[in-house]
Protein backbone atom coordinates (compact mmCIF):
# COMPACT_ATOMS: atom_id res chain seq x y z
CA HIS A 1 -5.59 -6.27 9.89
CA GLY A 2 -5.63 -9.73 11.38
CA THR A 3 -8.50 -11.78 12.73
CA MET A 4 -11.00 -11.43 15.54
CA HIS A 5 -11.39 -15.23 15.68
CA TRP A 6 -8.20 -15.62 17.71
CA VAL A 7 -6.71 -13.95 20.78
CA ASP A 8 -2.96 -13.66 21.40
CA CYS A 9 -0.91 -13.24 24.56
CA LEU A 10 1.03 -9.98 24.42
CA ASP A 11 3.93 -11.53 26.37
CA CYS A 12 4.55 -15.05 25.04
CA GLY A 13 2.48 -15.07 21.82
CA GLN A 14 0.32 -18.06 22.84
CA ARG A 15 -2.85 -18.09 20.70
CA TYR A 16 -6.35 -19.01 21.88
CA PRO A 17 -9.71 -19.28 20.11
CA ARG A 18 -11.75 -16.15 20.83
CA GLU A 19 -14.61 -18.28 22.14
CA ASP A 20 -12.39 -19.75 24.89
CA VAL A 21 -11.50 -16.26 26.12
CA HIS A 22 -15.13 -15.16 25.86
CA GLN A 23 -16.11 -18.07 28.14
CA LYS A 24 -13.50 -16.92 30.69
CA MET A 25 -15.06 -13.47 30.68
CA LEU A 26 -18.57 -14.90 31.10
CA ALA A 27 -17.24 -16.86 34.07
CA GLY A 28 -16.21 -13.58 35.72
CA GLU A 29 -12.59 -13.13 34.65
CA ALA A 30 -12.51 -9.34 34.06
CA VAL A 31 -9.10 -9.28 32.33
CA PRO A 32 -8.45 -12.66 30.71
CA ARG A 33 -4.87 -13.84 31.18
CA CYS A 34 -2.70 -16.33 29.33
CA ASP A 35 -2.79 -19.82 30.84
CA LYS A 36 0.91 -20.24 30.04
CA CYS A 37 2.53 -17.01 31.34
CA HIS A 38 -0.38 -14.94 32.76
CA GLY A 39 0.22 -12.19 30.19
CA ILE A 40 -2.60 -9.98 28.91
CA LEU A 41 -4.63 -11.28 25.97
CA LYS A 42 -5.83 -9.21 23.01
CA PRO A 43 -7.52 -9.96 19.68
CA ALA A 44 -5.08 -11.20 17.01
CA THR A 45 -5.28 -7.95 15.09
CA VAL A 46 -2.82 -5.15 14.41
CA ALA A 47 -4.12 -1.78 15.56
CA TYR A 48 -3.25 1.51 13.86
CA GLY A 49 0.30 2.47 14.82
CA GLN A 50 1.13 -1.01 16.16
CA ALA A 51 4.07 -2.82 14.54
CA MET A 52 3.33 -5.82 12.33
CA PRO A 53 4.47 -9.14 13.84
CA GLU A 54 7.94 -9.92 12.44
CA ARG A 55 7.45 -13.67 11.95
CA GLU A 56 4.20 -13.23 10.04
CA THR A 57 5.68 -10.42 7.94
CA ARG A 58 8.66 -12.61 6.93
CA GLU A 59 6.35 -15.51 6.11
CA SER A 60 4.14 -13.23 4.03
CA GLU A 61 7.16 -12.00 2.08
CA LEU A 62 8.33 -15.57 1.38
CA ARG A 63 4.88 -16.70 0.29
CA SER A 64 4.37 -13.60 -1.85
CA ALA A 65 7.75 -14.06 -3.56
CA GLY A 66 6.92 -17.67 -4.43
CA CYS A 67 3.28 -17.42 -5.45
CA ASP A 68 1.88 -17.79 -8.97
CA MET A 69 -0.84 -15.19 -8.44
CA LEU A 70 -1.62 -12.69 -5.71
CA LEU A 71 -5.21 -11.53 -5.27
CA ALA A 72 -5.47 -8.29 -3.29
CA ALA A 73 -9.07 -7.54 -2.36
CA GLY A 74 -10.56 -4.65 -0.41
CA SER A 75 -7.28 -2.93 0.44
CA SER A 76 -6.13 0.63 -0.15
CA MET A 77 -2.58 -0.76 -0.28
CA VAL A 78 -1.08 2.21 1.52
CA VAL A 79 -0.22 0.60 4.88
CA TYR A 80 3.24 -0.99 4.91
CA PRO A 81 4.64 -3.61 5.18
CA ALA A 82 1.47 -5.33 3.93
CA ALA A 83 1.23 -2.95 0.97
CA GLN A 84 4.57 -4.17 -0.38
CA MET A 85 3.41 -7.80 -0.79
CA PRO A 86 1.84 -7.25 -4.24
CA LEU A 87 5.14 -5.80 -5.47
CA VAL A 88 7.11 -8.67 -3.90
CA ALA A 89 4.82 -11.10 -5.75
CA LYS A 90 5.27 -9.27 -9.07
CA ARG A 91 9.07 -9.29 -8.68
CA GLY A 92 8.80 -13.06 -8.16
CA GLY A 93 6.95 -13.44 -11.46
CA ALA A 94 3.40 -13.68 -10.12
CA ARG A 95 0.30 -12.27 -11.73
CA LEU A 96 -1.40 -9.56 -9.68
CA VAL A 97 -5.17 -9.13 -9.46
CA ILE A 98 -6.54 -6.14 -7.54
CA ILE A 99 -10.18 -5.89 -6.51
CA ASN A 100 -11.00 -2.61 -4.79
CA LEU A 101 -13.76 -0.03 -4.98
CA THR A 102 -11.25 2.77 -5.55
CA ALA A 103 -7.87 3.04 -7.27
CA THR A 104 -4.74 1.89 -5.43
CA PRO A 105 -1.09 2.90 -5.81
CA HIS A 106 -0.35 -0.56 -7.29
CA ASP A 107 -2.99 -0.57 -10.05
CA GLY A 108 -0.32 0.17 -12.66
CA HIS A 109 1.52 -3.03 -11.71
CA ALA A 110 -1.58 -5.25 -11.82
CA ASP A 111 -2.46 -7.71 -14.56
CA VAL A 112 -6.15 -7.26 -13.75
CA VAL A 113 -7.87 -4.41 -11.86
CA ILE A 114 -11.54 -4.64 -10.91
CA ASN A 115 -12.98 -1.46 -9.40
CA ASP A 116 -15.97 -2.83 -7.52
CA LYS A 117 -16.94 -3.97 -4.04
CA SER A 118 -14.56 -6.78 -3.14
CA GLY A 119 -17.16 -8.88 -1.30
CA ASP A 120 -19.62 -8.80 -4.20
CA THR A 121 -16.89 -9.47 -6.76
CA LEU A 122 -15.38 -12.38 -4.82
CA HIS A 123 -18.85 -13.88 -4.38
CA ARG A 124 -19.41 -13.75 -8.16
CA ILE A 125 -15.98 -15.26 -8.85
CA LEU A 126 -16.60 -18.07 -6.37
CA GLY A 127 -19.95 -18.79 -8.02
CA LYS A 128 -18.28 -19.11 -11.43
CA VAL A 129 -15.53 -21.36 -10.06
CA LYS A 130 -18.08 -23.62 -8.36
CA GLY A 131 -20.00 -23.79 -11.64
CA LEU A 132 -16.87 -24.82 -13.52
CA LEU A 133 -16.07 -27.51 -10.96
CA GLN A 134 -19.56 -29.00 -11.29
CA GLU A 135 -19.33 -29.33 -15.07
């Protein structure tokens, strides 16, 4: 979970574009360090067993509680706290759409369930939306 496009400092949380850190490595810096505090940098992802960042988790809960619709795509929805966001959205009155190749524990709460490859399905949906916007 997260993104490989950014790199975060493990000490102060400063965020850098991945390309900037890659350039440091190409210039010979074996272990890239934070410019601000000299802490170790790592991709802005959450590894298995690593705690979710508290600030981002709180923000996700707030946004989920206030959304009109939550689209969950390509997730087994078994890893918490992320897996609770569809239920938070439903409690807030949102519609829930799940796109996943296999069943999830939250399918019974969803307004729409599409059992298909999420990438293919999202591509088709985007094509239809673009078509509607061009009319």
